[in-house]
């Protein structure tokens, strides 16, 4: 069950955007899960990148540009 306050926010956003609340909720959940997955990958890969000599995102971007 969804929290009533969260439901109100979802309904409000649905009205403002014109999107169906269920479609909007699915999209937001999908984005949230993708963000979590990327964070897990990053957590796993950052130590390996540092070992390979990449100090931060900038050094990675310079290497691939």
PDB file of N, CA and C in Angstrom:
ATOM      1  N   UNK A   1       0.838  -1.186   0.000  1.00  0.00           N
ATOM      2  CA  UNK A   1       0.000   0.000   0.000  1.00  0.00           C
ATOM      3  C   UNK A   1       0.876   1.240   0.000  1.00  0.00           C
ATOM      4  N   UNK A   2       0.468   2.235  -0.718  1.00  0.00           N
ATOM      5  CA  UNK A   2       1.240   3.469  -0.832  1.00  0.00           C
ATOM      6  C   UNK A   2       0.840   4.445   0.282  1.00  0.00           C
ATOM      7  N   UNK A   3       1.836   5.125   0.823  1.00  0.00           N
ATOM      8  CA  UNK A   3       1.623   6.124   1.867  1.00  0.00           C
ATOM      9  C   UNK A   3       0.659   7.206   1.350  1.00  0.00           C
ATOM     10  N   UNK A   4      -0.330   7.611   2.161  1.00  0.00           N
ATOM     11  CA  UNK A   4      -1.307   8.609   1.697  1.00  0.00           C
ATOM     12  C   UNK A   4      -0.669   9.928   1.243  1.00  0.00           C
ATOM     13  N   UNK A   5       0.355  10.384   1.949  1.00  0.00           N
ATOM     14  CA  UNK A   5       1.024  11.622   1.549  1.00  0.00           C
ATOM     15  C   UNK A   5       1.712  11.479   0.208  1.00  0.00           C
ATOM     16  N   UNK A   6       2.325  10.336   0.006  1.00  0.00           N
ATOM     17  CA  UNK A   6       2.987  10.063  -1.265  1.00  0.00           C
ATOM     18  C   UNK A   6       1.951   9.947  -2.384  1.00  0.00           C
ATOM     19  N   UNK A   7       0.823   9.344  -2.067  1.00  0.00           N
ATOM     20  CA  UNK A   7      -0.258   9.211  -3.056  1.00  0.00           C
ATOM     21  C   UNK A   7      -0.765  10.586  -3.490  1.00  0.00           C
ATOM     22  N   UNK A   8      -0.896  11.508  -2.518  1.00  0.00           N
ATOM     23  CA  UNK A   8      -1.341  12.863  -2.852  1.00  0.00           C
ATOM     24  C   UNK A   8      -0.345  13.544  -3.796  1.00  0.00           C
ATOM     25  N   UNK A   9       0.940  13.371  -3.507  1.00  0.00           N
ATOM     26  CA  UNK A   9       1.969  13.961  -4.370  1.00  0.00           C
ATOM     27  C   UNK A   9       1.920  13.356  -5.773  1.00  0.00           C
ATOM     28  N   UNK A  10       1.724  12.056  -5.838  1.00  0.00           N
ATOM     29  CA  UNK A  10       1.621  11.376  -7.128  1.00  0.00           C
ATOM     30  C   UNK A  10       0.407  11.888  -7.905  1.00  0.00           C
ATOM     31  N   UNK A  11      -0.727  11.997  -7.222  1.00  0.00           N
ATOM     32  CA  UNK A  11      -1.938  12.495  -7.880  1.00  0.00           C
ATOM     33  C   UNK A  11      -1.759  13.936  -8.359  1.00  0.00           C
ATOM     34  N   UNK A  12      -1.094  14.751  -7.540  1.00  0.00           N
ATOM     35  CA  UNK A  12      -0.850  16.145  -7.915  1.00  0.00           C
ATOM     36  C   UNK A  12       0.038  16.218  -9.160  1.00  0.00           C
ATOM     37  N   UNK A  13       1.111  15.446  -9.162  1.00  0.00           N
ATOM     38  CA  UNK A  13       2.010  15.440 -10.323  1.00  0.00           C
ATOM     39  C   UNK A  13       1.294  14.899 -11.553  1.00  0.00           C
ATOM     40  N   UNK A  14       0.451  13.913 -11.358  1.00  0.00           N
ATOM     41  CA  UNK A  14      -0.313  13.342 -12.460  1.00  0.00           C
ATOM     42  C   UNK A  14      -1.217  14.403 -13.088  1.00  0.00           C
ATOM     43  N   UNK A  15      -1.875  15.180 -12.254  1.00  0.00           N
ATOM     44  CA  UNK A  15      -2.753  16.239 -12.769  1.00  0.00           C
ATOM     45  C   UNK A  15      -1.947  17.305 -13.510  1.00  0.00           C
ATOM     46  N   UNK A  16      -0.799  17.689 -12.948  1.00  0.00           N
ATOM     47  CA  UNK A  16       0.025  18.728 -13.573  1.00  0.00           C
ATOM     48  C   UNK A  16       0.617  18.268 -14.904  1.00  0.00           C
ATOM     49  N   UNK A  17       1.018  17.003 -14.963  1.00  0.00           N
ATOM     50  CA  UNK A  17       1.682  16.493 -16.168  1.00  0.00           C
ATOM     51  C   UNK A  17       0.705  15.916 -17.187  1.00  0.00           C
ATOM     52  N   UNK A  18      -0.485  15.578 -16.731  1.00  0.00           N
ATOM     53  CA  UNK A  18      -1.455  14.956 -17.625  1.00  0.00           C
ATOM     54  C   UNK A  18      -1.222  13.470 -17.831  1.00  0.00           C
ATOM     55  N   UNK A  19      -0.295  12.904 -17.057  1.00  0.00           N
ATOM     56  CA  UNK A  19       0.008  11.475 -17.174  1.00  0.00           C
ATOM     57  C   UNK A  19      -0.878  10.667 -16.234  1.00  0.00           C
ATOM     58  N   UNK A  20      -1.171   9.456 -16.647  1.00  0.00           N
ATOM     59  CA  UNK A  20      -1.903   8.531 -15.792  1.00  0.00           C
ATOM     60  C   UNK A  20      -1.058   8.252 -14.548  1.00  0.00           C
ATOM     61  N   UNK A  21      -1.654   8.285 -13.346  1.00  0.00           N
ATOM     62  CA  UNK A  21      -0.867   8.073 -12.132  1.00  0.00           C
ATOM     63  C   UNK A  21      -0.139   6.731 -12.096  1.00  0.00           C
ATOM     64  N   UNK A  22      -0.747   5.691 -12.643  1.00  0.00           N
ATOM     65  CA  UNK A  22      -0.091   4.383 -12.651  1.00  0.00           C
ATOM     66  C   UNK A  22       1.125   4.374 -13.568  1.00  0.00           C
ATOM     67  N   UNK A  23       0.995   4.998 -14.726  1.00  0.00           N
ATOM     68  CA  UNK A  23       2.111   5.081 -15.670  1.00  0.00           C
ATOM     69  C   UNK A  23       3.228   5.922 -15.059  1.00  0.00           C
ATOM     70  N   UNK A  24       2.859   7.027 -14.431  1.00  0.00           N
ATOM     71  CA  UNK A  24       3.833   7.897 -13.784  1.00  0.00           C
ATOM     72  C   UNK A  24       4.564   7.159 -12.668  1.00  0.00           C
ATOM     73  N   UNK A  25       3.817   6.421 -11.849  1.00  0.00           N
ATOM     74  CA  UNK A  25       4.429   5.661 -10.755  1.00  0.00           C
ATOM     75  C   UNK A  25       5.393   4.608 -11.298  1.00  0.00           C
ATOM     76  N   UNK A  26       5.000   3.905 -12.348  1.00  0.00           N
ATOM     77  CA  UNK A  26       5.887   2.900 -12.950  1.00  0.00           C
ATOM     78  C   UNK A  26       7.175   3.539 -13.454  1.00  0.00           C
ATOM     79  N   UNK A  27       7.046   4.689 -14.112  1.00  0.00           N
ATOM     80  CA  UNK A  27       8.226   5.384 -14.634  1.00  0.00           C
ATOM     81  C   UNK A  27       9.155   5.808 -13.494  1.00  0.00           C
ATOM     82  N   UNK A  28       8.585   6.354 -12.436  1.00  0.00           N
ATOM     83  CA  UNK A  28       9.401   6.801 -11.304  1.00  0.00           C
ATOM     84  C   UNK A  28      10.070   5.630 -10.590  1.00  0.00           C
ATOM     85  N   UNK A  29       9.369   4.531 -10.448  1.00  0.00           N
ATOM     86  CA  UNK A  29       9.956   3.340  -9.828  1.00  0.00           C
ATOM     87  C   UNK A  29      11.083   2.802 -10.707  1.00  0.00           C
ATOM     88  N   UNK A  30      10.838   2.746 -12.011  1.00  0.00           N
ATOM     89  CA  UNK A  30      11.857   2.267 -12.949  1.00  0.00           C
ATOM     90  C   UNK A  30      13.113   3.133 -12.860  1.00  0.00           C
ATOM     91  N   UNK A  31      12.941   4.454 -12.842  1.00  0.00           N
ATOM     92  CA  UNK A  31      14.089   5.363 -12.728  1.00  0.00           C
ATOM     93  C   UNK A  31      14.835   5.161 -11.412  1.00  0.00           C
ATOM     94  N   UNK A  32      14.073   5.027 -10.330  1.00  0.00           N
ATOM     95  CA  UNK A  32      14.696   4.828  -9.023  1.00  0.00           C
ATOM     96  C   UNK A  32      15.499   3.539  -8.964  1.00  0.00           C
ATOM     97  N   UNK A  33      14.951   2.476  -9.520  1.00  0.00           N
ATOM     98  CA  UNK A  33      15.667   1.199  -9.531  1.00  0.00           C
ATOM     99  C   UNK A  33      16.914   1.267 -10.406  1.00  0.00           C
ATOM    100  N   UNK A  34      16.818   1.966 -11.527  1.00  0.00           N
ATOM    101  CA  UNK A  34      17.986   2.133 -12.396  1.00  0.00           C
ATOM    102  C   UNK A  34      19.072   2.921 -11.681  1.00  0.00           C
ATOM    103  N   UNK A  35      18.676   3.979 -10.971  1.00  0.00           N
ATOM    104  CA  UNK A  35      19.640   4.782 -10.219  1.00  0.00           C
ATOM    105  C   UNK A  35      20.345   3.944  -9.164  1.00  0.00           C
ATOM    106  N   UNK A  36      19.592   3.098  -8.471  1.00  0.00           N
ATOM    107  CA  UNK A  36      20.185   2.221  -7.453  1.00  0.00           C
ATOM    108  C   UNK A  36      21.158   1.226  -8.089  1.00  0.00           C
ATOM    109  N   UNK A  37      20.781   0.681  -9.232  1.00  0.00           N
ATOM    110  CA  UNK A  37      21.645  -0.276  -9.926  1.00  0.00           C
ATOM    111  C   UNK A  37      22.952   0.395 -10.349  1.00  0.00           C
ATOM    112  N   UNK A  38      22.854   1.605 -10.901  1.00  0.00           N
ATOM    113  CA  UNK A  38      24.055   2.334 -11.305  1.00  0.00           C
ATOM    114  C   UNK A  38      24.941   2.656 -10.104  1.00  0.00           C
ATOM    115  N   UNK A  39      24.324   2.983  -8.980  1.00  0.00           N
ATOM    116  CA  UNK A  39      25.099   3.266  -7.766  1.00  0.00           C
ATOM    117  C   UNK A  39      25.852   2.022  -7.305  1.00  0.00           C
ATOM    118  N   UNK A  40      25.214   0.848  -7.407  1.00  0.00           N
ATOM    119  CA  UNK A  40      25.895  -0.400  -7.038  1.00  0.00           C
ATOM    120  C   UNK A  40      27.065  -0.675  -7.974  1.00  0.00           C
ATOM    121  N   UNK A  41      26.871  -0.470  -9.280  1.00  0.00           N
ATOM    122  CA  UNK A  41      27.963  -0.660 -10.246  1.00  0.00           C
ATOM    123  C   UNK A  41      29.113   0.284  -9.934  1.00  0.00           C
ATOM    124  N   UNK A  42      28.764   1.535  -9.676  1.00  0.00           N
ATOM    125  CA  UNK A  42      29.787   2.537  -9.388  1.00  0.00           C
ATOM    126  C   UNK A  42      30.567   2.147  -8.135  1.00  0.00           C
ATOM    127  N   UNK A  43      29.857   1.711  -7.112  1.00  0.00           N
ATOM    128  CA  UNK A  43      30.497   1.289  -5.861  1.00  0.00           C
ATOM    129  C   UNK A  43      31.494   0.156  -6.115  1.00  0.00           C
ATOM    130  N   UNK A  44      31.140  -0.725  -7.020  1.00  0.00           N
ATOM    131  CA  UNK A  44      31.993  -1.866  -7.340  1.00  0.00           C
ATOM    132  C   UNK A  44      33.171  -1.468  -8.239  1.00  0.00           C
ATOM    133  N   UNK A  45      32.932  -0.538  -9.171  1.00  0.00           N
ATOM    134  CA  UNK A  45      33.943  -0.215 -10.173  1.00  0.00           C
ATOM    135  C   UNK A  45      34.909   0.895  -9.777  1.00  0.00           C
ATOM    136  N   UNK A  46      34.515   1.798  -8.890  1.00  0.00           N
ATOM    137  CA  UNK A  46      35.396   2.907  -8.516  1.00  0.00           C
ATOM    138  C   UNK A  46      36.728   2.415  -7.954  1.00  0.00           C
ATOM    139  N   UNK A  47      36.735   1.453  -7.036  1.00  0.00           N
ATOM    140  CA  UNK A  47      38.034   0.981  -6.540  1.00  0.00           C
ATOM    141  C   UNK A  47      38.913   0.402  -7.654  1.00  0.00           C
ATOM    142  N   UNK A  48      38.309  -0.290  -8.604  1.00  0.00           N
ATOM    143  CA  UNK A  48      39.072  -0.849  -9.722  1.00  0.00           C
ATOM    144  C   UNK A  48      39.619   0.262 -10.610  1.00  0.00           C
ATOM    145  N   UNK A  49      38.832   1.303 -10.826  1.00  0.00           N
ATOM    146  CA  UNK A  49      39.288   2.430 -11.642  1.00  0.00           C
ATOM    147  C   UNK A  49      40.448   3.149 -10.966  1.00  0.00           C
ATOM    148  N   UNK A  50      40.345   3.326  -9.661  1.00  0.00           N
ATOM    149  CA  UNK A  50      41.438   3.985  -8.932  1.00  0.00           C
ATOM    150  C   UNK A  50      42.715   3.156  -9.002  1.00  0.00           C
ATOM    151  N   UNK A  51      42.576   1.844  -8.896  1.00  0.00           N
ATOM    152  CA  UNK A  51      43.734   0.955  -9.017  1.00  0.00           C
ATOM    153  C   UNK A  51      44.366   1.083 -10.402  1.00  0.00           C
ATOM    154  N   UNK A  52      43.536   1.320 -11.410  1.00  0.00           N
ATOM    155  CA  UNK A  52      44.020   1.459 -12.786  1.00  0.00           C
ATOM    156  C   UNK A  52      44.562   2.862 -13.076  1.00  0.00           C
ATOM    157  N   UNK A  53      44.525   3.746 -12.068  1.00  0.00           N
ATOM    158  CA  UNK A  53      45.101   5.077 -12.241  1.00  0.00           C
ATOM    159  C   UNK A  53      44.125   6.189 -12.539  1.00  0.00           C
ATOM    160  N   UNK A  54      42.850   5.903 -12.448  1.00  0.00           N
ATOM    161  CA  UNK A  54      41.848   6.940 -12.660  1.00  0.00           C
ATOM    162  C   UNK A  54      41.456   7.516 -11.303  1.00  0.00           C
ATOM    163  N   UNK A  55      41.789   8.800 -11.092  1.00  0.00           N
ATOM    164  CA  UNK A  55      41.565   9.415  -9.787  1.00  0.00           C
ATOM    165  C   UNK A  55      40.108   9.816  -9.571  1.00  0.00           C
ATOM    166  N   UNK A  56      39.427  10.198 -10.653  1.00  0.00           N
ATOM    167  CA  UNK A  56      38.045  10.675 -10.523  1.00  0.00           C
ATOM    168  C   UNK A  56      37.357  10.621 -11.888  1.00  0.00           C
ATOM    169  N   UNK A  57      36.126  11.119 -11.931  1.00  0.00           N
ATOM    170  CA  UNK A  57      35.359  11.097 -13.181  1.00  0.00           C
ATOM    171  C   UNK A  57      36.052  11.883 -14.292  1.00  0.00           C
ATOM    172  N   UNK A  58      36.705  12.989 -13.931  1.00  0.00           N
ATOM    173  CA  UNK A  58      37.383  13.808 -14.943  1.00  0.00           C
ATOM    174  C   UNK A  58      38.491  13.034 -15.649  1.00  0.00           C
ATOM    175  N   UNK A  59      39.265  12.273 -14.891  1.00  0.00           N
ATOM    176  CA  UNK A  59      40.355  11.517 -15.522  1.00  0.00           C
ATOM    177  C   UNK A  59      39.806  10.420 -16.426  1.00  0.00           C
ATOM    178  N   UNK A  60      38.692   9.863 -16.063  1.00  0.00           N
ATOM    179  CA  UNK A  60      38.051   8.850 -16.914  1.00  0.00           C
ATOM    180  C   UNK A  60      37.554   9.500 -18.201  1.00  0.00           C
ATOM    181  N   UNK A  61      36.892  10.647 -18.079  1.00  0.00           N
ATOM    182  CA  UNK A  61      36.365  11.331 -19.260  1.00  0.00           C
ATOM    183  C   UNK A  61      37.488  11.760 -20.200  1.00  0.00           C
ATOM    184  N   UNK A  62      38.603  12.224 -19.654  1.00  0.00           N
ATOM    185  CA  UNK A  62      39.740  12.601 -20.501  1.00  0.00           C
ATOM    186  C   UNK A  62      40.292  11.381 -21.242  1.00  0.00           C
ATOM    187  N   UNK A  63      40.295  10.241 -20.585  1.00  0.00           N
ATOM    188  CA  UNK A  63      40.839   9.025 -21.201  1.00  0.00           C
ATOM    189  C   UNK A  63      39.964   8.511 -22.339  1.00  0.00           C
ATOM    190  N   UNK A  64      38.662   8.712 -22.238  1.00  0.00           N
ATOM    191  CA  UNK A  64      37.772   8.167 -23.269  1.00  0.00           C
ATOM    192  C   UNK A  64      37.379   9.192 -24.325  1.00  0.00           C
ATOM    193  N   UNK A  65      37.764  10.439 -24.133  1.00  0.00           N
ATOM    194  CA  UNK A  65      37.408  11.490 -25.111  1.00  0.00           C
ATOM    195  C   UNK A  65      38.383  11.520 -26.258  1.00  0.00           C
TER     196      UNK A  65
END
